[in-house]
Amino acid sequence: MLIRLNVIDRKGKKTAIDIEEGTTIRDAIEEKLSPDNYGVCGGNCACGTCHVHVTPNDFAKLKAVEEDEISTLKEEAIKPTTHSRLGCQVELKKEYNNITVTIAPD
């Protein structure tokens, strides 16, 4: 099943991506858009470069943030917000269809 992910890049351009269910947000963005300095550690929750801001309504749909993601966001991400997530830690599911994320500044 394909999941629609709406991505706003660092320049404010919105792109809709259709990607296989079970793919992480990080892998979807990397595969389809390949932004510079994005997802550098390869999805290991270590660098914070796959930091995205999730729209508030969509953020509520996602599974809870786990401790390792919280600490990486605090230590590595640039200006995390209450709606920040690491793209490598969110697998796309049908319940998340059509969510919107903004790639955080690098």
Foldseek 3Di string as FASTA:
>chain_A
DWFWEWEQEPVRDIDIFTDDFQAFQQVRCCVPPNDPQACVVVLPLAAQRQKKFWPVVLLVQFDDDDDSQVVSCVPHHDPDDPRIGRRSPTTHDNSNGPTYIYRDDD
